[in-house]
Amino acid sequence: MTEITSQEIMQCAALIRPHVRRTPVVELDGSEFGLAANSLTLKLELLQHAGSFKTRGAFATLLARDVPAAGVVAASGGNHGAATAYAAMRLGKPARIFVPTVSSPAKVERIRGYGADLVIEGDRYADALAASEIWAQQSGAMPVPAFDQRETILGQATLGLELDRQAPDIDTVLVSVGGGGLIAGIAAWYAGRIKVIGVEPAAAPTLTRALAAGHPVDAEAGGIAADSLAPRRIGERVYPVAAKYVHSTVLVSDDAIASAQDTLWRALRIVAEPGGAAAVSALLSGAYTPEAGERVAVVISGGNTTAVDFGRTR
């Protein structure tokens, strides 16, 4: 894949601007979370249409390509499906969404609520993806990849552009990683100007394994955030961007993610899904420890959950 440029990202931002929210940031002192007194900025992307950052990439794809009469098809752990269904609904296009059985009820409900045809297929994202590819061949519907497509990465990169304008003085941004579209987009925007740290569940270390191997490889695909952060391997188009611009990755446990969900709720009344809370769990668990004075931003990437008691119910 050729280099993604800042000019392309700005053009994509202008294209999708009428259709996506400019999500807010909240600035805190780390001591509010029991951390060192560093500046901490949370990017609240869970307030995006359809409940996650995925809406940016979905609109980027549907607006940049000619959608056939058969509409669009997507495979998803849940968030990408909801985003594609929402974008298709807003643009008047038919959509069929394939999800695995691990998708949360909140995400399944959102997809159905946006009027898409929903198919539950297999236990993991890879199963839903295989079924969606068969449907695309049979129907002529346009596939909307969850992460491994240039338009998708450009759409997610607009979050980096937006954060840069809202918090221009940050030194580091922590980003949760599944297939890698979000971290590739953000890393492409910053292009080495700040540290971009990937945060992955220990049960689904897709980017960590790829960086160690020097190319995308299969990894475990389980854990508490399996409906958003467990695609089995990082994207082929994602990997070169991440390898060039991502500073490093850290792994977090399921317990750390659940604890971060609880802390976000208690401290800020933010209801984040497991994948959305993974990045902040790296700070709270000590998996990532900022240096003195380091100004850190964290992307809260999604909020599609019905959880209230994070210790027991999801």
Protein backbone atom coordinates (compact mmCIF):
# COMPACT_ATOMS: atom_id res chain seq x y z
CA MET A 1 0.00 0.00 0.00
CA THR A 2 1.31 3.43 -0.91
CA GLU A 3 1.92 5.98 1.84
CA ILE A 4 -1.16 7.58 3.37
CA THR A 5 -0.60 11.34 3.33
CA SER A 6 -1.90 14.10 5.55
CA GLN A 7 -3.49 15.69 2.47
CA GLU A 8 -5.52 12.54 1.80
CA ILE A 9 -6.62 12.42 5.42
CA MET A 10 -7.77 16.05 5.33
CA GLN A 11 -9.67 15.38 2.10
CA CYS A 12 -11.35 12.38 3.72
CA ALA A 13 -12.24 14.49 6.77
CA ALA A 14 -13.95 17.02 4.49
CA LEU A 15 -15.81 14.22 2.69
CA ILE A 16 -17.27 12.63 5.82
CA ARG A 17 -17.66 15.85 7.84
CA PRO A 18 -21.43 16.19 7.22
CA HIS A 19 -22.02 12.65 8.43
CA VAL A 20 -19.89 12.19 11.57
CA ARG A 21 -19.64 13.86 14.94
CA ARG A 22 -16.65 15.83 16.11
CA THR A 23 -16.37 13.93 19.37
CA PRO A 24 -15.20 15.80 22.47
CA VAL A 25 -12.12 15.43 24.62
CA VAL A 26 -11.97 15.72 28.39
CA GLU A 27 -8.77 16.85 30.09
CA LEU A 28 -7.88 15.41 33.48
CA ASP A 29 -5.06 15.23 35.96
CA GLY A 30 -3.73 11.71 36.24
CA SER A 31 -4.13 11.88 40.01
CA GLU A 32 -7.89 11.60 39.49
CA PHE A 33 -7.25 7.99 38.51
CA GLY A 34 -4.62 7.41 41.17
CA LEU A 35 -1.80 7.95 38.66
CA ALA A 36 1.15 10.32 38.67
CA ALA A 37 0.10 13.93 38.20
CA ASN A 38 0.52 13.92 34.44
CA SER A 39 -1.78 15.59 31.96
CA LEU A 40 -4.34 13.09 30.67
CA THR A 41 -6.68 13.67 27.71
CA LEU A 42 -9.51 11.28 26.90
CA LYS A 43 -10.89 11.30 23.35
CA LEU A 44 -14.53 10.27 23.75
CA GLU A 45 -15.13 8.49 20.48
CA LEU A 46 -17.79 6.33 22.11
CA LEU A 47 -20.04 9.37 21.50
CA GLN A 48 -19.71 8.89 17.74
CA HIS A 49 -22.77 7.88 15.68
CA ALA A 50 -23.37 4.12 16.10
CA GLY A 51 -21.28 4.16 19.26
CA SER A 52 -17.72 3.83 17.95
CA PHE A 53 -14.96 5.17 15.70
CA LYS A 54 -15.94 2.65 13.03
CA THR A 55 -18.52 5.08 11.65
CA ARG A 56 -15.72 7.21 10.20
CA GLY A 57 -14.36 4.37 8.09
CA ALA A 58 -17.81 3.21 7.04
CA PHE A 59 -18.78 6.61 5.66
CA ALA A 60 -15.37 7.04 4.03
CA THR A 61 -15.90 3.79 2.13
CA LEU A 62 -19.51 4.32 1.12
CA LEU A 63 -18.92 7.90 0.01
CA ALA A 64 -15.69 7.23 -1.89
CA ARG A 65 -16.97 4.23 -3.87
CA ASP A 66 -19.88 3.53 -6.20
CA VAL A 67 -22.31 1.38 -4.22
CA PRO A 68 -24.15 -1.14 -6.45
CA ALA A 69 -27.89 -1.69 -6.38
CA ALA A 70 -27.31 -4.80 -4.24
CA GLY A 71 -25.96 -2.52 -1.54
CA VAL A 72 -23.17 -3.33 0.89
CA VAL A 73 -22.07 -6.28 2.98
CA ALA A 74 -19.84 -6.32 6.05
CA ALA A 75 -18.47 -8.80 8.55
CA SER A 76 -17.96 -7.56 12.06
CA GLY A 77 -17.59 -8.39 15.71
CA GLY A 78 -20.31 -5.78 16.13
CA ASN A 79 -19.07 -2.19 15.98
CA HIS A 80 -18.14 -2.16 12.30
CA GLY A 81 -21.44 -3.81 11.49
CA ALA A 82 -23.35 -1.17 13.42
CA ALA A 83 -21.35 1.59 11.73
CA THR A 84 -21.88 0.16 8.24
CA ALA A 85 -25.58 -0.36 8.91
CA TYR A 86 -25.88 3.23 10.15
CA ALA A 87 -24.00 4.69 7.17
CA ALA A 88 -26.05 2.61 4.73
CA MET A 89 -29.28 3.71 6.40
CA ARG A 90 -28.29 7.39 6.24
CA LEU A 91 -27.26 7.10 2.59
CA GLY A 92 -30.27 5.00 1.55
CA LYS A 93 -28.32 1.83 0.67
CA PRO A 94 -29.25 -1.81 1.43
CA ALA A 95 -26.94 -3.56 3.89
CA ARG A 96 -26.39 -7.13 5.07
CA ILE A 97 -24.21 -7.59 8.15
CA PHE A 98 -22.61 -10.85 9.30
CA VAL A 99 -21.59 -11.16 12.96
CA PRO A 100 -20.32 -14.06 15.09
CA THR A 101 -22.04 -15.42 18.16
CA VAL A 102 -19.65 -13.50 20.44
CA SER A 103 -21.16 -10.16 19.38
CA SER A 104 -22.75 -8.40 22.33
CA PRO A 105 -26.55 -8.00 22.48
CA ALA A 106 -26.07 -4.21 22.43
CA LYS A 107 -24.28 -4.38 19.08
CA VAL A 108 -26.73 -6.85 17.56
CA GLU A 109 -29.60 -4.60 18.64
CA ARG A 110 -27.97 -1.55 17.05
CA ILE A 111 -27.45 -3.33 13.73
CA ARG A 112 -31.07 -4.44 13.60
CA GLY A 113 -32.23 -1.00 14.69
CA TYR A 114 -30.54 0.58 11.69
CA GLY A 115 -32.54 -1.62 9.34
CA ALA A 116 -29.81 -3.93 8.05
CA ASP A 117 -30.28 -7.62 7.34
CA LEU A 118 -28.43 -9.35 10.17
CA VAL A 119 -26.89 -12.82 9.89
CA ILE A 120 -25.24 -14.47 12.91
CA GLU A 121 -22.59 -16.86 11.60
CA GLY A 122 -19.92 -18.82 13.50
CA ASP A 123 -18.18 -18.23 16.79
CA ARG A 124 -15.49 -15.73 15.73
CA TYR A 125 -14.99 -12.82 13.34
CA ALA A 126 -13.20 -15.06 10.82
CA ASP A 127 -16.33 -17.19 10.49
CA ALA A 128 -18.54 -14.18 9.84
CA LEU A 129 -16.01 -12.83 7.35
CA ALA A 130 -15.99 -16.06 5.33
CA ALA A 131 -19.78 -16.06 5.17
CA SER A 132 -19.86 -12.41 4.10
CA GLU A 133 -17.42 -13.09 1.26
CA ILE A 134 -19.67 -15.84 -0.09
CA TRP A 135 -22.66 -13.49 0.06
CA ALA A 136 -20.73 -10.73 -1.75
CA GLN A 137 -19.93 -13.14 -4.61
CA GLN A 138 -23.50 -14.39 -4.84
CA SER A 139 -25.28 -11.04 -4.56
CA GLY A 140 -22.93 -8.48 -6.08
CA ALA A 141 -23.03 -6.43 -2.89
CA MET A 142 -19.98 -4.24 -2.20
CA PRO A 143 -17.83 -5.48 0.70
CA VAL A 144 -17.01 -2.91 3.37
CA PRO A 145 -13.88 -4.23 5.13
CA ALA A 146 -13.68 -3.70 8.88
CA PHE A 147 -10.07 -2.52 8.85
CA ASP A 148 -7.90 -3.69 5.96
CA GLN A 149 -8.80 -1.19 3.25
CA ARG A 150 -7.35 2.18 2.33
CA GLU A 151 -10.65 4.09 2.62
CA THR A 152 -11.29 2.52 6.01
CA ILE A 153 -7.86 3.53 7.31
CA LEU A 154 -8.31 7.05 5.93
CA GLY A 155 -11.64 7.35 7.71
CA GLN A 156 -10.15 6.26 11.03
CA ALA A 157 -7.22 8.61 10.44
CA THR A 158 -9.63 11.54 10.69
CA LEU A 159 -9.81 10.81 14.42
CA GLY A 160 -6.09 11.50 14.63
CA LEU A 161 -6.50 14.76 12.74
CA GLU A 162 -9.34 15.78 15.05
CA LEU A 163 -7.42 14.88 18.21
CA ASP A 164 -4.37 16.77 16.98
CA ARG A 165 -6.46 19.93 16.67
CA GLN A 166 -8.18 19.44 20.02
CA ALA A 167 -5.06 18.50 21.99
CA PRO A 168 -2.04 19.79 20.04
CA ASP A 169 0.45 19.42 22.91
CA ILE A 170 0.21 15.70 23.65
CA ASP A 171 3.34 13.54 23.62
CA THR A 172 1.70 10.11 23.45
CA VAL A 173 -1.59 8.51 22.43
CA LEU A 174 -2.76 5.09 23.57
CA VAL A 175 -4.97 3.22 21.10
CA SER A 176 -6.66 -0.15 21.42
CA VAL A 177 -5.88 -2.62 18.61
CA GLY A 178 -7.97 -5.30 16.93
CA GLY A 179 -7.49 -5.49 13.18
CA GLY A 180 -5.48 -2.29 13.34
CA GLY A 181 -7.42 0.17 11.19
CA LEU A 182 -7.70 2.75 13.97
CA ILE A 183 -4.09 2.66 15.11
CA ALA A 184 -2.85 2.66 11.50
CA GLY A 185 -4.97 5.71 10.73
CA ILE A 186 -3.88 7.62 13.82
CA ALA A 187 -0.24 6.65 13.30
CA ALA A 188 -0.41 7.74 9.65
CA TRP A 189 -1.70 11.16 10.69
CA TYR A 190 0.98 11.76 13.32
CA ALA A 191 3.71 10.16 11.19
CA GLY A 192 6.17 9.84 14.06
CA ARG A 193 5.57 13.29 15.61
CA ILE A 194 4.34 11.69 18.84
CA LYS A 195 4.45 8.22 20.38
CA VAL A 196 1.58 6.00 19.28
CA ILE A 197 1.20 3.03 21.63
CA GLY A 198 -0.95 0.03 20.76
CA VAL A 199 -2.88 -1.64 23.56
CA GLU A 200 -4.05 -5.22 23.06
CA PRO A 201 -5.74 -7.84 25.21
CA ALA A 202 -3.26 -10.54 26.19
CA ALA A 203 -5.85 -12.97 24.80
CA ALA A 204 -5.71 -11.34 21.33
CA PRO A 205 -2.20 -9.96 20.63
CA THR A 206 -2.54 -9.43 16.87
CA LEU A 207 -0.18 -6.48 16.38
CA THR A 208 2.29 -7.64 19.02
CA ARG A 209 2.69 -10.98 17.27
CA ALA A 210 2.97 -9.34 13.85
CA LEU A 211 5.67 -6.91 14.94
CA ALA A 212 7.65 -9.76 16.50
CA ALA A 213 7.37 -11.84 13.32
CA GLY A 214 7.94 -8.97 10.92
CA HIS A 215 4.63 -9.59 9.12
CA PRO A 216 1.00 -10.40 9.95
CA VAL A 217 0.55 -13.79 11.60
CA ASP A 218 -2.32 -15.59 13.29
CA ALA A 219 -2.75 -14.92 17.00
CA GLU A 220 -5.16 -16.04 19.69
CA ALA A 221 -8.63 -14.55 19.30
CA GLY A 222 -10.33 -14.62 22.68
CA GLY A 223 -10.89 -12.68 25.85
CA ILE A 224 -13.36 -10.19 27.24
CA ALA A 225 -13.07 -7.89 24.20
CA ALA A 226 -13.36 -10.64 21.58
CA ASP A 227 -16.29 -8.91 19.88
CA SER A 228 -14.09 -5.94 18.92
CA LEU A 229 -10.40 -6.72 19.43
CA ALA A 230 -9.93 -10.30 18.23
CA PRO A 231 -9.85 -10.67 14.43
CA ARG A 232 -7.04 -13.30 14.61
CA ARG A 233 -4.50 -11.29 12.60
CA ILE A 234 -3.61 -7.69 11.83
CA GLY A 235 -4.53 -6.36 8.39
CA GLU A 236 -2.06 -6.74 5.50
CA ARG A 237 -2.53 -3.07 4.54
CA VAL A 238 -2.50 -2.00 8.17
CA TYR A 239 0.78 -3.68 9.03
CA PRO A 240 3.26 -1.53 7.03
CA VAL A 241 1.81 1.66 8.51
CA ALA A 242 1.91 0.26 12.04
CA ALA A 243 5.42 -1.14 11.59
CA LYS A 244 6.67 2.27 10.45
CA TYR A 245 4.92 4.58 12.89
CA VAL A 246 3.67 2.68 15.97
CA HIS A 247 6.19 3.13 18.78
CA SER A 248 5.34 -0.10 20.66
CA THR A 249 2.54 -2.26 22.00
CA VAL A 250 1.52 -3.36 25.49
CA LEU A 251 -0.71 -6.21 26.58
CA VAL A 252 -3.47 -6.01 29.18
CA SER A 253 -5.43 -8.69 31.00
CA ASP A 254 -9.17 -9.18 30.94
CA ASP A 255 -9.27 -8.22 34.62
CA ALA A 256 -7.46 -4.96 33.85
CA ILE A 257 -9.97 -4.13 31.11
CA ALA A 258 -12.95 -4.86 33.36
CA SER A 259 -11.40 -2.75 36.12
CA ALA A 260 -10.90 0.13 33.67
CA GLN A 261 -14.55 -0.06 32.65
CA ASP A 262 -15.51 0.19 36.29
CA THR A 263 -13.15 3.10 36.94
CA LEU A 264 -14.39 5.07 33.92
CA TRP A 265 -17.94 4.65 35.18
CA ARG A 266 -17.21 5.54 38.80
CA ALA A 267 -14.94 8.50 38.04
CA LEU A 268 -16.55 10.01 34.95
CA ARG A 269 -19.85 8.20 34.34
CA ILE A 270 -18.44 6.95 31.04
CA VAL A 271 -19.90 3.62 29.92
CA ALA A 272 -17.21 2.03 27.74
CA GLU A 273 -17.34 -1.42 26.21
CA PRO A 274 -14.35 -3.71 26.88
CA GLY A 275 -12.61 -2.81 23.62
CA GLY A 276 -13.28 0.86 24.28
CA ALA A 277 -11.73 0.70 27.74
CA ALA A 278 -8.69 -1.38 26.79
CA ALA A 279 -6.43 1.60 26.06
CA VAL A 280 -7.08 3.31 29.39
CA SER A 281 -6.59 -0.01 31.18
CA ALA A 282 -2.93 0.13 30.12
CA LEU A 283 -2.48 3.23 32.28
CA LEU A 284 -4.56 2.05 35.21
CA SER A 285 -2.87 -1.37 35.36
CA GLY A 286 0.68 -0.07 34.90
CA ALA A 287 1.15 -1.86 31.57
CA TYR A 288 2.14 1.58 30.27
CA THR A 289 3.82 4.00 32.69
CA PRO A 290 4.29 7.56 31.42
CA GLU A 291 7.48 9.43 32.15
CA ALA A 292 7.36 12.47 34.43
CA GLY A 293 5.61 15.29 32.62
CA GLU A 294 4.52 13.12 29.69
CA ARG A 295 1.23 14.37 28.26
CA VAL A 296 -0.87 11.34 27.38
CA ALA A 297 -4.06 10.99 25.34
CA VAL A 298 -6.24 7.89 25.36
CA VAL A 299 -8.88 6.99 22.79
CA ILE A 300 -12.08 5.63 24.36
CA SER A 301 -13.06 3.98 21.11
CA GLY A 302 -16.50 2.47 21.72
CA GLY A 303 -19.47 2.31 24.06
CA ASN A 304 -21.71 -0.41 22.67
CA THR A 305 -22.49 -2.35 25.82
CA THR A 306 -25.48 -3.00 28.01
CA ALA A 307 -23.22 -3.37 31.04
CA VAL A 308 -24.01 -1.54 34.27
CA ASP A 309 -22.26 -3.70 36.82
CA PHE A 310 -18.95 -4.20 35.03
CA GLY A 311 -17.81 -6.87 37.45
CA ARG A 312 -20.67 -9.22 36.67
CA THR A 313 -22.76 -8.22 33.65
CA ARG A 314 -21.92 -7.51 30.04
